[in-house]
Amino acid sequence: MDSLQVELTTLEERGWQALSEGTGAEFYDAFLTDDAIMILPFAVLDRTAAIAAMRDAPPWSASSLSDVLVVRLGEAAAMLVYRATAQREGQPEYRALMSTTYERIEDEWLVKLHQQTPLS
């Protein structure tokens, strides 16, 4: 793994950890660009709606990332692509292909776009 892949994977894992601890809304409030979009299985959400959905969602009890790749999109943008496996208490396992596009703003990587494709 190169340093960018390590940095973005660590940031993505921190986001999953926050979602597991019930602090996802607060975490992503600090790490979403002002014009961020999240494409989820149930809706396309802007920044405000995404944070509200995280605030109302039950926490994940387990999550893991695998098959992680980074696609560089220039000096100030990159996409992290991975397979996620996660579970909420009492619910079936959720498996999806995911991508998170990051934009570097003032020396910090922020989420510009996040997309999930559930696997059956």
PDB file of N, CA and C in Angstrom:
ATOM      1  N   MET A   1       0.846  -1.189   0.000  1.00  0.00           N
ATOM      2  CA  MET A   1       0.000   0.000   0.000  1.00  0.00           C
ATOM      3  C   MET A   1       0.881   1.238   0.000  1.00  0.00           C
ATOM      4  N   ASP A   2       0.541   2.201  -0.838  1.00  0.00           N
ATOM      5  CA  ASP A   2       1.286   3.451  -0.801  1.00  0.00           C
ATOM      6  C   ASP A   2       0.709   4.358   0.289  1.00  0.00           C
ATOM      7  N   SER A   3       1.359   5.483   0.534  1.00  0.00           N
ATOM      8  CA  SER A   3       0.971   6.347   1.653  1.00  0.00           C
ATOM      9  C   SER A   3      -0.427   6.931   1.476  1.00  0.00           C
ATOM     10  N   LEU A   4      -0.832   7.251   0.244  1.00  0.00           N
ATOM     11  CA  LEU A   4      -2.177   7.778   0.025  1.00  0.00           C
ATOM     12  C   LEU A   4      -3.225   6.710   0.340  1.00  0.00           C
ATOM     13  N   GLN A   5      -2.992   5.483  -0.082  1.00  0.00           N
ATOM     14  CA  GLN A   5      -3.939   4.409   0.204  1.00  0.00           C
ATOM     15  C   GLN A   5      -4.046   4.182   1.709  1.00  0.00           C
ATOM     16  N   VAL A   6      -2.946   4.216   2.403  1.00  0.00           N
ATOM     17  CA  VAL A   6      -2.968   4.057   3.866  1.00  0.00           C
ATOM     18  C   VAL A   6      -3.762   5.201   4.501  1.00  0.00           C
ATOM     19  N   GLU A   7      -3.502   6.425   4.074  1.00  0.00           N
ATOM     20  CA  GLU A   7      -4.168   7.589   4.656  1.00  0.00           C
ATOM     21  C   GLU A   7      -5.686   7.548   4.427  1.00  0.00           C
ATOM     22  N   LEU A   8      -6.101   7.256   3.197  1.00  0.00           N
ATOM     23  CA  LEU A   8      -7.534   7.246   2.900  1.00  0.00           C
ATOM     24  C   LEU A   8      -8.232   6.034   3.514  1.00  0.00           C
ATOM     25  N   THR A   9      -7.567   4.894   3.535  1.00  0.00           N
ATOM     26  CA  THR A   9      -8.156   3.712   4.168  1.00  0.00           C
ATOM     27  C   THR A   9      -8.334   3.955   5.663  1.00  0.00           C
ATOM     28  N   THR A  10      -7.359   4.559   6.286  1.00  0.00           N
ATOM     29  CA  THR A  10      -7.450   4.885   7.714  1.00  0.00           C
ATOM     30  C   THR A  10      -8.616   5.833   7.969  1.00  0.00           C
ATOM     31  N   LEU A  11      -8.769   6.832   7.129  1.00  0.00           N
ATOM     32  CA  LEU A  11      -9.872   7.780   7.282  1.00  0.00           C
ATOM     33  C   LEU A  11     -11.221   7.076   7.097  1.00  0.00           C
ATOM     34  N   GLU A  12     -11.307   6.203   6.095  1.00  0.00           N
ATOM     35  CA  GLU A  12     -12.551   5.458   5.852  1.00  0.00           C
ATOM     36  C   GLU A  12     -12.874   4.548   7.045  1.00  0.00           C
ATOM     37  N   GLU A  13     -11.858   3.883   7.580  1.00  0.00           N
ATOM     38  CA  GLU A  13     -12.065   3.026   8.751  1.00  0.00           C
ATOM     39  C   GLU A  13     -12.479   3.840   9.975  1.00  0.00           C
ATOM     40  N   ARG A  14     -11.952   5.038  10.113  1.00  0.00           N
ATOM     41  CA  ARG A  14     -12.370   5.919  11.210  1.00  0.00           C
ATOM     42  C   ARG A  14     -13.848   6.265  11.075  1.00  0.00           C
ATOM     43  N   GLY A  15     -14.310   6.471   9.829  1.00  0.00           N
ATOM     44  CA  GLY A  15     -15.723   6.748   9.590  1.00  0.00           C
ATOM     45  C   GLY A  15     -16.595   5.572   9.991  1.00  0.00           C
ATOM     46  N   TRP A  16     -16.190   4.366   9.608  1.00  0.00           N
ATOM     47  CA  TRP A  16     -16.935   3.159  10.004  1.00  0.00           C
ATOM     48  C   TRP A  16     -16.945   3.010  11.527  1.00  0.00           C
ATOM     49  N   GLN A  17     -15.826   3.302  12.165  1.00  0.00           N
ATOM     50  CA  GLN A  17     -15.755   3.219  13.629  1.00  0.00           C
ATOM     51  C   GLN A  17     -16.732   4.202  14.264  1.00  0.00           C
ATOM     52  N   ALA A  18     -16.787   5.413  13.738  1.00  0.00           N
ATOM     53  CA  ALA A  18     -17.728   6.407  14.259  1.00  0.00           C
ATOM     54  C   ALA A  18     -19.174   5.941  14.074  1.00  0.00           C
ATOM     55  N   LEU A  19     -19.466   5.346  12.923  1.00  0.00           N
ATOM     56  CA  LEU A  19     -20.814   4.817  12.689  1.00  0.00           C
ATOM     57  C   LEU A  19     -21.135   3.673  13.646  1.00  0.00           C
ATOM     58  N   SER A  20     -20.126   2.940  14.076  1.00  0.00           N
ATOM     59  CA  SER A  20     -20.316   1.855  15.042  1.00  0.00           C
ATOM     60  C   SER A  20     -20.508   2.377  16.456  1.00  0.00           C
ATOM     61  N   GLU A  21     -19.938   3.528  16.732  1.00  0.00           N
ATOM     62  CA  GLU A  21     -20.023   4.121  18.073  1.00  0.00           C
ATOM     63  C   GLU A  21     -21.215   5.060  18.230  1.00  0.00           C
ATOM     64  N   GLY A  22     -21.976   5.258  17.143  1.00  0.00           N
ATOM     65  CA  GLY A  22     -23.103   6.183  17.201  1.00  0.00           C
ATOM     66  C   GLY A  22     -22.703   7.634  17.065  1.00  0.00           C
ATOM     67  N   THR A  23     -21.471   7.889  16.616  1.00  0.00           N
ATOM     68  CA  THR A  23     -20.999   9.269  16.449  1.00  0.00           C
ATOM     69  C   THR A  23     -20.722   9.593  14.974  1.00  0.00           C
ATOM     70  N   GLY A  24     -21.348   8.835  14.075  1.00  0.00           N
ATOM     71  CA  GLY A  24     -21.126   9.039  12.649  1.00  0.00           C
ATOM     72  C   GLY A  24     -21.529  10.423  12.171  1.00  0.00           C
ATOM     73  N   ALA A  25     -22.650  10.937  12.667  1.00  0.00           N
ATOM     74  CA  ALA A  25     -23.098  12.269  12.242  1.00  0.00           C
ATOM     75  C   ALA A  25     -22.061  13.329  12.592  1.00  0.00           C
ATOM     76  N   GLU A  26     -21.518  13.255  13.776  1.00  0.00           N
ATOM     77  CA  GLU A  26     -20.517  14.232  14.199  1.00  0.00           C
ATOM     78  C   GLU A  26     -19.228  14.077  13.389  1.00  0.00           C
ATOM     79  N   PHE A  27     -18.810  12.829  13.175  1.00  0.00           N
ATOM     80  CA  PHE A  27     -17.595  12.580  12.404  1.00  0.00           C
ATOM     81  C   PHE A  27     -17.735  13.147  10.992  1.00  0.00           C
ATOM     82  N   TYR A  28     -18.827  12.770  10.313  1.00  0.00           N
ATOM     83  CA  TYR A  28     -18.987  13.192   8.924  1.00  0.00           C
ATOM     84  C   TYR A  28     -19.330  14.667   8.793  1.00  0.00           C
ATOM     85  N   ASP A  29     -19.860  15.281   9.829  1.00  0.00           N
ATOM     86  CA  ASP A  29     -20.061  16.728   9.796  1.00  0.00           C
ATOM     87  C   ASP A  29     -18.720  17.433   9.606  1.00  0.00           C
ATOM     88  N   ALA A  30     -17.661  16.848  10.150  1.00  0.00           N
ATOM     89  CA  ALA A  30     -16.318  17.426  10.022  1.00  0.00           C
ATOM     90  C   ALA A  30     -15.602  16.971   8.748  1.00  0.00           C
ATOM     91  N   PHE A  31     -16.041  15.861   8.120  1.00  0.00           N
ATOM     92  CA  PHE A  31     -15.285  15.291   7.002  1.00  0.00           C
ATOM     93  C   PHE A  31     -16.051  15.224   5.686  1.00  0.00           C
ATOM     94  N   LEU A  32     -17.179  15.921   5.567  1.00  0.00           N
ATOM     95  CA  LEU A  32     -17.879  16.022   4.283  1.00  0.00           C
ATOM     96  C   LEU A  32     -17.662  17.420   3.709  1.00  0.00           C
ATOM     97  N   THR A  33     -17.448  17.495   2.399  1.00  0.00           N
ATOM     98  CA  THR A  33     -17.384  18.812   1.762  1.00  0.00           C
ATOM     99  C   THR A  33     -18.768  19.457   1.858  1.00  0.00           C
ATOM    100  N   ASP A  34     -18.827  20.751   1.639  1.00  0.00           N
ATOM    101  CA  ASP A  34     -20.115  21.454   1.710  1.00  0.00           C
ATOM    102  C   ASP A  34     -21.108  20.942   0.678  1.00  0.00           C
ATOM    103  N   ASP A  35     -20.609  20.456  -0.466  1.00  0.00           N
ATOM    104  CA  ASP A  35     -21.482  19.986  -1.537  1.00  0.00           C
ATOM    105  C   ASP A  35     -21.460  18.463  -1.682  1.00  0.00           C
ATOM    106  N   ALA A  36     -21.127  17.760  -0.618  1.00  0.00           N
ATOM    107  CA  ALA A  36     -21.026  16.295  -0.646  1.00  0.00           C
ATOM    108  C   ALA A  36     -22.358  15.641  -0.994  1.00  0.00           C
ATOM    109  N   ILE A  37     -22.240  14.486  -1.660  1.00  0.00           N
ATOM    110  CA  ILE A  37     -23.396  13.670  -2.017  1.00  0.00           C
ATOM    111  C   ILE A  37     -23.118  12.235  -1.575  1.00  0.00           C
ATOM    112  N   MET A  38     -24.148  11.575  -1.053  1.00  0.00           N
ATOM    113  CA  MET A  38     -24.053  10.156  -0.730  1.00  0.00           C
ATOM    114  C   MET A  38     -25.119   9.409  -1.515  1.00  0.00           C
ATOM    115  N   ILE A  39     -24.676   8.414  -2.279  1.00  0.00           N
ATOM    116  CA  ILE A  39     -25.580   7.573  -3.067  1.00  0.00           C
ATOM    117  C   ILE A  39     -25.693   6.260  -2.312  1.00  0.00           C
ATOM    118  N   LEU A  40     -26.819   6.078  -1.653  1.00  0.00           N
ATOM    119  CA  LEU A  40     -27.056   4.920  -0.807  1.00  0.00           C
ATOM    120  C   LEU A  40     -28.133   4.043  -1.441  1.00  0.00           C
ATOM    121  N   PRO A  41     -28.297   2.807  -0.987  1.00  0.00           N
ATOM    122  CA  PRO A  41     -29.302   1.927  -1.594  1.00  0.00           C
ATOM    123  C   PRO A  41     -30.726   2.491  -1.538  1.00  0.00           C
ATOM    124  N   PHE A  42     -30.994   3.355  -0.577  1.00  0.00           N
ATOM    125  CA  PHE A  42     -32.349   3.862  -0.391  1.00  0.00           C
ATOM    126  C   PHE A  42     -32.572   5.283  -0.887  1.00  0.00           C
ATOM    127  N   ALA A  43     -31.494   6.022  -1.243  1.00  0.00           N
ATOM    128  CA  ALA A  43     -31.677   7.416  -1.648  1.00  0.00           C
ATOM    129  C   ALA A  43     -30.355   8.050  -2.068  1.00  0.00           C
ATOM    130  N   VAL A  44     -30.473   9.189  -2.731  1.00  0.00           N
ATOM    131  CA  VAL A  44     -29.337  10.064  -2.987  1.00  0.00           C
ATOM    132  C   VAL A  44     -29.507  11.241  -2.022  1.00  0.00           C
ATOM    133  N   LEU A  45     -28.484  11.436  -1.176  1.00  0.00           N
ATOM    134  CA  LEU A  45     -28.597  12.421  -0.113  1.00  0.00           C
ATOM    135  C   LEU A  45     -27.545  13.513  -0.248  1.00  0.00           C
ATOM    136  N   ASP A  46     -27.970  14.759  -0.005  1.00  0.00           N
ATOM    137  CA  ASP A  46     -26.989  15.829   0.085  1.00  0.00           C
ATOM    138  C   ASP A  46     -26.378  15.811   1.482  1.00  0.00           C
ATOM    139  N   ARG A  47     -25.464  16.710   1.731  1.00  0.00           N
ATOM    140  CA  ARG A  47     -24.726  16.737   2.998  1.00  0.00           C
ATOM    141  C   ARG A  47     -25.664  16.751   4.207  1.00  0.00           C
ATOM    142  N   THR A  48     -26.623  17.667   4.191  1.00  0.00           N
ATOM    143  CA  THR A  48     -27.528  17.829   5.330  1.00  0.00           C
ATOM    144  C   THR A  48     -28.350  16.567   5.571  1.00  0.00           C
ATOM    145  N   ALA A  49     -28.911  16.011   4.503  1.00  0.00           N
ATOM    146  CA  ALA A  49     -29.738  14.804   4.640  1.00  0.00           C
ATOM    147  C   ALA A  49     -28.889  13.599   5.054  1.00  0.00           C
ATOM    148  N   ALA A  50     -27.662  13.499   4.557  1.00  0.00           N
ATOM    149  CA  ALA A  50     -26.780  12.383   4.920  1.00  0.00           C
ATOM    150  C   ALA A  50     -26.458  12.421   6.405  1.00  0.00           C
ATOM    151  N   ILE A  51     -26.139  13.580   6.916  1.00  0.00           N
ATOM    152  CA  ILE A  51     -25.822  13.704   8.347  1.00  0.00           C
ATOM    153  C   ILE A  51     -27.053  13.376   9.191  1.00  0.00           C
ATOM    154  N   ALA A  52     -28.220  13.840   8.761  1.00  0.00           N
ATOM    155  CA  ALA A  52     -29.458  13.523   9.495  1.00  0.00           C
ATOM    156  C   ALA A  52     -29.724  12.015   9.481  1.00  0.00           C
ATOM    157  N   ALA A  53     -29.504  11.365   8.341  1.00  0.00           N
ATOM    158  CA  ALA A  53     -29.716   9.914   8.253  1.00  0.00           C
ATOM    159  C   ALA A  53     -28.758   9.173   9.177  1.00  0.00           C
ATOM    160  N   MET A  54     -27.518   9.620   9.259  1.00  0.00           N
ATOM    161  CA  MET A  54     -26.549   8.977  10.160  1.00  0.00           C
ATOM    162  C   MET A  54     -26.964   9.151  11.615  1.00  0.00           C
ATOM    163  N   ARG A  55     -27.507  10.304  11.918  1.00  0.00           N
ATOM    164  CA  ARG A  55     -27.931  10.574  13.293  1.00  0.00           C
ATOM    165  C   ARG A  55     -29.066   9.632  13.706  1.00  0.00           C
ATOM    166  N   ASP A  56     -29.943   9.285  12.749  1.00  0.00           N
ATOM    167  CA  ASP A  56     -31.106   8.449  13.039  1.00  0.00           C
ATOM    168  C   ASP A  56     -30.846   6.953  12.882  1.00  0.00           C
ATOM    169  N   ALA A  57     -29.731   6.580  12.253  1.00  0.00           N
ATOM    170  CA  ALA A  57     -29.465   5.162  11.957  1.00  0.00           C
ATOM    171  C   ALA A  57     -28.939   4.422  13.188  1.00  0.00           C
ATOM    172  N   PRO A  58     -29.326   3.155  13.342  1.00  0.00           N
ATOM    173  CA  PRO A  58     -28.736   2.358  14.423  1.00  0.00           C
ATOM    174  C   PRO A  58     -27.260   2.115  14.132  1.00  0.00           C
ATOM    175  N   PRO A  59     -26.439   1.973  15.146  1.00  0.00           N
ATOM    176  CA  PRO A  59     -25.008   1.773  14.913  1.00  0.00           C
ATOM    177  C   PRO A  59     -24.712   0.395  14.316  1.00  0.00           C
ATOM    178  N   TRP A  60     -23.602   0.328  13.606  1.00  0.00           N
ATOM    179  CA  TRP A  60     -23.106  -0.962  13.106  1.00  0.00           C
ATOM    180  C   TRP A  60     -22.423  -1.670  14.266  1.00  0.00           C
ATOM    181  N   SER A  61     -22.585  -2.975  14.348  1.00  0.00           N
ATOM    182  CA  SER A  61     -21.913  -3.724  15.408  1.00  0.00           C
ATOM    183  C   SER A  61     -20.602  -4.332  14.915  1.00  0.00           C
ATOM    184  N   ALA A  62     -20.443  -4.423  13.583  1.00  0.00           N
ATOM    185  CA  ALA A  62     -19.206  -4.958  13.004  1.00  0.00           C
ATOM    186  C   ALA A  62     -19.064  -4.427  11.588  1.00  0.00           C
ATOM    187  N   SER A  63     -17.815  -4.239  11.154  1.00  0.00           N
ATOM    188  CA  SER A  63     -17.561  -3.830   9.771  1.00  0.00           C
ATOM    189  C   SER A  63     -16.133  -4.198   9.398  1.00  0.00           C
ATOM    190  N   SER A  64     -15.942  -4.459   8.106  1.00  0.00           N
ATOM    191  CA  SER A  64     -14.593  -4.701   7.604  1.00  0.00           C
ATOM    192  C   SER A  64     -14.516  -4.258   6.152  1.00  0.00           C
ATOM    193  N   LEU A  65     -13.330  -3.837   5.758  1.00  0.00           N
ATOM    194  CA  LEU A  65     -13.048  -3.405   4.391  1.00  0.00           C
ATOM    195  C   LEU A  65     -12.048  -4.373   3.793  1.00  0.00           C
ATOM    196  N   SER A  66     -12.224  -4.695   2.515  1.00  0.00           N
ATOM    197  CA  SER A  66     -11.267  -5.549   1.824  1.00  0.00           C
ATOM    198  C   SER A  66     -11.169  -5.118   0.368  1.00  0.00           C
ATOM    199  N   ASP A  67     -10.196  -5.694  -0.338  1.00  0.00           N
ATOM    200  CA  ASP A  67      -9.979  -5.395  -1.759  1.00  0.00           C
ATOM    201  C   ASP A  67      -9.891  -3.893  -2.011  1.00  0.00           C
ATOM    202  N   VAL A  68      -9.148  -3.202  -1.175  1.00  0.00           N
ATOM    203  CA  VAL A  68      -9.062  -1.741  -1.229  1.00  0.00           C
ATOM    204  C   VAL A  68      -8.134  -1.299  -2.363  1.00  0.00           C
ATOM    205  N   LEU A  69      -8.627  -0.344  -3.145  1.00  0.00           N
ATOM    206  CA  LEU A  69      -7.849   0.266  -4.229  1.00  0.00           C
ATOM    207  C   LEU A  69      -7.981   1.775  -4.134  1.00  0.00           C
ATOM    208  N   VAL A  70      -6.965   2.485  -4.619  1.00  0.00           N
ATOM    209  CA  VAL A  70      -7.035   3.934  -4.725  1.00  0.00           C
ATOM    210  C   VAL A  70      -6.893   4.311  -6.188  1.00  0.00           C
ATOM    211  N   VAL A  71      -7.761   5.208  -6.628  1.00  0.00           N
ATOM    212  CA  VAL A  71      -7.682   5.770  -7.969  1.00  0.00           C
ATOM    213  C   VAL A  71      -7.365   7.247  -7.802  1.00  0.00           C
ATOM    214  N   ARG A  72      -6.218   7.651  -8.263  1.00  0.00           N
ATOM    215  CA  ARG A  72      -5.831   9.065  -8.167  1.00  0.00           C
ATOM    216  C   ARG A  72      -6.567   9.851  -9.254  1.00  0.00           C
ATOM    217  N   LEU A  73      -7.153  10.960  -8.863  1.00  0.00           N
ATOM    218  CA  LEU A  73      -7.922  11.792  -9.789  1.00  0.00           C
ATOM    219  C   LEU A  73      -7.283  13.159  -9.987  1.00  0.00           C
ATOM    220  N   GLY A  74      -6.004  13.259  -9.706  1.00  0.00           N
ATOM    221  CA  GLY A  74      -5.283  14.523  -9.802  1.00  0.00           C
ATOM    222  C   GLY A  74      -4.569  14.816  -8.500  1.00  0.00           C
ATOM    223  N   GLU A  75      -4.065  16.021  -8.402  1.00  0.00           N
ATOM    224  CA  GLU A  75      -3.313  16.426  -7.210  1.00  0.00           C
ATOM    225  C   GLU A  75      -4.179  16.518  -5.953  1.00  0.00           C
ATOM    226  N   ALA A  76      -5.449  16.884  -6.128  1.00  0.00           N
ATOM    227  CA  ALA A  76      -6.291  17.167  -4.960  1.00  0.00           C
ATOM    228  C   ALA A  76      -7.536  16.301  -4.903  1.00  0.00           C
ATOM    229  N   ALA A  77      -7.510  15.150  -5.559  1.00  0.00           N
ATOM    230  CA  ALA A  77      -8.673  14.274  -5.512  1.00  0.00           C
ATOM    231  C   ALA A  77      -8.245  12.822  -5.704  1.00  0.00           C
ATOM    232  N   ALA A  78      -8.956  11.932  -5.029  1.00  0.00           N
ATOM    233  CA  ALA A  78      -8.691  10.494  -5.150  1.00  0.00           C
ATOM    234  C   ALA A  78      -9.947   9.738  -4.750  1.00  0.00           C
ATOM    235  N   MET A  79     -10.067   8.538  -5.304  1.00  0.00           N
ATOM    236  CA  MET A  79     -11.213   7.689  -4.985  1.00  0.00           C
ATOM    237  C   MET A  79     -10.719   6.418  -4.303  1.00  0.00           C
ATOM    238  N   LEU A  80     -11.347   6.074  -3.198  1.00  0.00           N
ATOM    239  CA  LEU A  80     -11.076   4.824  -2.498  1.00  0.00           C
ATOM    240  C   LEU A  80     -12.194   3.855  -2.875  1.00  0.00           C
ATOM    241  N   VAL A  81     -11.822   2.709  -3.412  1.00  0.00           N
ATOM    242  CA  VAL A  81     -12.785   1.702  -3.849  1.00  0.00           C
ATOM    243  C   VAL A  81     -12.543   0.442  -3.019  1.00  0.00           C
ATOM    244  N   TYR A  82     -13.620  -0.164  -2.497  1.00  0.00           N
ATOM    245  CA  TYR A  82     -13.431  -1.331  -1.644  1.00  0.00           C
ATOM    246  C   TYR A  82     -14.705  -2.159  -1.536  1.00  0.00           C
ATOM    247  N   ARG A  83     -14.539  -3.317  -0.968  1.00  0.00           N
ATOM    248  CA  ARG A  83     -15.658  -4.208  -0.628  1.00  0.00           C
ATOM    249  C   ARG A  83     -15.865  -4.067   0.880  1.00  0.00           C
ATOM    250  N   ALA A  84     -17.118  -3.837   1.283  1.00  0.00           N
ATOM    251  CA  ALA A  84     -17.432  -3.695   2.708  1.00  0.00           C
ATOM    252  C   ALA A  84     -18.358  -4.823   3.149  1.00  0.00           C
ATOM    253  N   THR A  85     -18.112  -5.284   4.347  1.00  0.00           N
ATOM    254  CA  THR A  85     -19.000  -6.225   5.010  1.00  0.00           C
ATOM    255  C   THR A  85     -19.308  -5.616   6.371  1.00  0.00           C
ATOM    256  N   ALA A  86     -20.599  -5.488   6.678  1.00  0.00           N
ATOM    257  CA  ALA A  86     -20.982  -4.865   7.946  1.00  0.00           C
ATOM    258  C   ALA A  86     -22.258  -5.516   8.460  1.00  0.00           C
ATOM    259  N   GLN A  87     -22.509  -5.322   9.737  1.00  0.00           N
ATOM    260  CA  GLN A  87     -23.711  -5.891  10.333  1.00  0.00           C
ATOM    261  C   GLN A  87     -24.186  -5.010  11.471  1.00  0.00           C
ATOM    262  N   ARG A  88     -25.506  -4.913  11.562  1.00  0.00           N
ATOM    263  CA  ARG A  88     -26.138  -4.255  12.701  1.00  0.00           C
ATOM    264  C   ARG A  88     -26.747  -5.342  13.580  1.00  0.00           C
ATOM    265  N   GLU A  89     -26.811  -5.083  14.857  1.00  0.00           N
ATOM    266  CA  GLU A  89     -27.348  -6.047  15.822  1.00  0.00           C
ATOM    267  C   GLU A  89     -28.718  -6.557  15.371  1.00  0.00           C
ATOM    268  N   GLY A  90     -28.853  -7.883  15.283  1.00  0.00           N
ATOM    269  CA  GLY A  90     -30.127  -8.493  14.939  1.00  0.00           C
ATOM    270  C   GLY A  90     -30.525  -8.414  13.475  1.00  0.00           C
ATOM    271  N   GLN A  91     -29.637  -7.916  12.612  1.00  0.00           N
ATOM    272  CA  GLN A  91     -29.950  -7.796  11.196  1.00  0.00           C
ATOM    273  C   GLN A  91     -28.996  -8.654  10.369  1.00  0.00           C
ATOM    274  N   PRO A  92     -29.387  -8.989   9.142  1.00  0.00           N
ATOM    275  CA  PRO A  92     -28.488  -9.775   8.292  1.00  0.00           C
ATOM    276  C   PRO A  92     -27.253  -8.973   7.907  1.00  0.00           C
ATOM    277  N   GLU A  93     -26.215  -9.689   7.549  1.00  0.00           N
ATOM    278  CA  GLU A  93     -24.965  -9.057   7.108  1.00  0.00           C
ATOM    279  C   GLU A  93     -25.219  -8.211   5.857  1.00  0.00           C
ATOM    280  N   TYR A  94     -24.583  -7.052   5.795  1.00  0.00           N
ATOM    281  CA  TYR A  94     -24.662  -6.152   4.642  1.00  0.00           C
ATOM    282  C   TYR A  94     -23.333  -6.217   3.913  1.00  0.00           C
ATOM    283  N   ARG A  95     -23.390  -6.561   2.636  1.00  0.00           N
ATOM    284  CA  ARG A  95     -22.179  -6.609   1.816  1.00  0.00           C
ATOM    285  C   ARG A  95     -22.383  -5.692   0.629  1.00  0.00           C
ATOM    286  N   ALA A  96     -21.371  -4.880   0.324  1.00  0.00           N
ATOM    287  CA  ALA A  96     -21.505  -3.932  -0.776  1.00  0.00           C
ATOM    288  C   ALA A  96     -20.139  -3.572  -1.349  1.00  0.00           C
ATOM    289  N   LEU A  97     -20.174  -3.162  -2.604  1.00  0.00           N
ATOM    290  CA  LEU A  97     -19.018  -2.514  -3.213  1.00  0.00           C
ATOM    291  C   LEU A  97     -19.205  -1.031  -2.962  1.00  0.00           C
ATOM    292  N   MET A  98     -18.139  -0.375  -2.538  1.00  0.00           N
ATOM    293  CA  MET A  98     -18.253   1.038  -2.179  1.00  0.00           C
ATOM    294  C   MET A  98     -17.143   1.846  -2.809  1.00  0.00           C
ATOM    295  N   SER A  99     -17.447   3.115  -3.012  1.00  0.00           N
ATOM    296  CA  SER A  99     -16.405   4.046  -3.436  1.00  0.00           C
ATOM    297  C   SER A  99     -16.636   5.364  -2.714  1.00  0.00           C
ATOM    298  N   THR A 100     -15.544   5.944  -2.288  1.00  0.00           N
ATOM    299  CA  THR A 100     -15.585   7.252  -1.654  1.00  0.00           C
ATOM    300  C   THR A 100     -14.587   8.139  -2.379  1.00  0.00           C
ATOM    301  N   THR A 101     -15.090   9.241  -2.911  1.00  0.00           N
ATOM    302  CA  THR A 101     -14.232  10.204  -3.594  1.00  0.00           C
ATOM    303  C   THR A 101     -13.880  11.298  -2.601  1.00  0.00           C
ATOM    304  N   TYR A 102     -12.588  11.499  -2.451  1.00  0.00           N
ATOM    305  CA  TYR A 102     -12.073  12.492  -1.516  1.00  0.00           C
ATOM    306  C   TYR A 102     -11.501  13.687  -2.274  1.00  0.00           C
ATOM    307  N   GLU A 103     -11.691  14.867  -1.705  1.00  0.00           N
ATOM    308  CA  GLU A 103     -11.093  16.089  -2.230  1.00  0.00           C
ATOM    309  C   GLU A 103     -10.183  16.664  -1.140  1.00  0.00           C
ATOM    310  N   ARG A 104      -8.990  17.033  -1.538  1.00  0.00           N
ATOM    311  CA  ARG A 104      -8.045  17.625  -0.576  1.00  0.00           C
ATOM    312  C   ARG A 104      -8.287  19.124  -0.523  1.00  0.00           C
ATOM    313  N   ILE A 105      -8.701  19.581   0.649  1.00  0.00           N
ATOM    314  CA  ILE A 105      -8.990  20.998   0.869  1.00  0.00           C
ATOM    315  C   ILE A 105      -8.192  21.446   2.075  1.00  0.00           C
ATOM    316  N   GLU A 106      -7.336  22.440   1.860  1.00  0.00           N
ATOM    317  CA  GLU A 106      -6.495  22.975   2.943  1.00  0.00           C
ATOM    318  C   GLU A 106      -5.782  21.858   3.703  1.00  0.00           C
ATOM    319  N   ASP A 107      -5.100  20.984   2.975  1.00  0.00           N
ATOM    320  CA  ASP A 107      -4.296  19.894   3.531  1.00  0.00           C
ATOM    321  C   ASP A 107      -5.091  18.840   4.293  1.00  0.00           C
ATOM    322  N   GLU A 108      -6.381  18.738   4.021  1.00  0.00           N
ATOM    323  CA  GLU A 108      -7.195  17.720   4.680  1.00  0.00           C
ATOM    324  C   GLU A 108      -8.056  17.020   3.624  1.00  0.00           C
ATOM    325  N   TRP A 109      -8.143  15.694   3.709  1.00  0.00           N
ATOM    326  CA  TRP A 109      -8.993  14.925   2.801  1.00  0.00           C
ATOM    327  C   TRP A 109     -10.423  14.933   3.317  1.00  0.00           C
ATOM    328  N   LEU A 110     -11.359  15.387   2.468  1.00  0.00           N
ATOM    329  CA  LEU A 110     -12.772  15.432   2.813  1.00  0.00           C
ATOM    330  C   LEU A 110     -13.568  14.607   1.806  1.00  0.00           C
ATOM    331  N   VAL A 111     -14.675  14.052   2.253  1.00  0.00           N
ATOM    332  CA  VAL A 111     -15.525  13.236   1.394  1.00  0.00           C
ATOM    333  C   VAL A 111     -16.372  14.134   0.501  1.00  0.00           C
ATOM    334  N   LYS A 112     -16.229  13.931  -0.795  1.00  0.00           N
ATOM    335  CA  LYS A 112     -16.998  14.670  -1.796  1.00  0.00           C
ATOM    336  C   LYS A 112     -18.202  13.839  -2.277  1.00  0.00           C
ATOM    337  N   LEU A 113     -17.966  12.513  -2.432  1.00  0.00           N
ATOM    338  CA  LEU A 113     -18.993  11.616  -2.941  1.00  0.00           C
ATOM    339  C   LEU A 113     -18.772  10.231  -2.360  1.00  0.00           C
ATOM    340  N   HIS A 114     -19.844   9.620  -1.889  1.00  0.00           N
ATOM    341  CA  HIS A 114     -19.776   8.249  -1.408  1.00  0.00           C
ATOM    342  C   HIS A 114     -20.890   7.478  -2.079  1.00  0.00           C
ATOM    343  N   GLN A 115     -20.573   6.266  -2.563  1.00  0.00           N
ATOM    344  CA  GLN A 115     -21.543   5.469  -3.306  1.00  0.00           C
ATOM    345  C   GLN A 115     -21.472   4.026  -2.831  1.00  0.00           C
ATOM    346  N   GLN A 116     -22.635   3.372  -2.714  1.00  0.00           N
ATOM    347  CA  GLN A 116     -22.712   1.975  -2.293  1.00  0.00           C
ATOM    348  C   GLN A 116     -23.508   1.163  -3.308  1.00  0.00           C
ATOM    349  N   THR A 117     -22.981   0.009  -3.670  1.00  0.00           N
ATOM    350  CA  THR A 117     -23.679  -0.948  -4.525  1.00  0.00           C
ATOM    351  C   THR A 117     -23.821  -2.243  -3.735  1.00  0.00           C
ATOM    352  N   PRO A 118     -25.005  -2.517  -3.192  1.00  0.00           N
ATOM    353  CA  PRO A 118     -25.191  -3.735  -2.401  1.00  0.00           C
ATOM    354  C   PRO A 118     -24.947  -4.999  -3.236  1.00  0.00           C
ATOM    355  N   LEU A 119     -24.369  -5.995  -2.610  1.00  0.00           N
ATOM    356  CA  LEU A 119     -24.171  -7.298  -3.224  1.00  0.00           C
ATOM    357  C   LEU A 119     -25.228  -8.243  -2.700  1.00  0.00           C
ATOM    358  N   SER A 120     -25.794  -9.061  -3.565  1.00  0.00           N
ATOM    359  CA  SER A 120     -26.848  -9.975  -3.117  1.00  0.00           C
ATOM    360  C   SER A 120     -26.239 -11.210  -2.477  1.00  0.00           C
TER     361      SER A 120
END
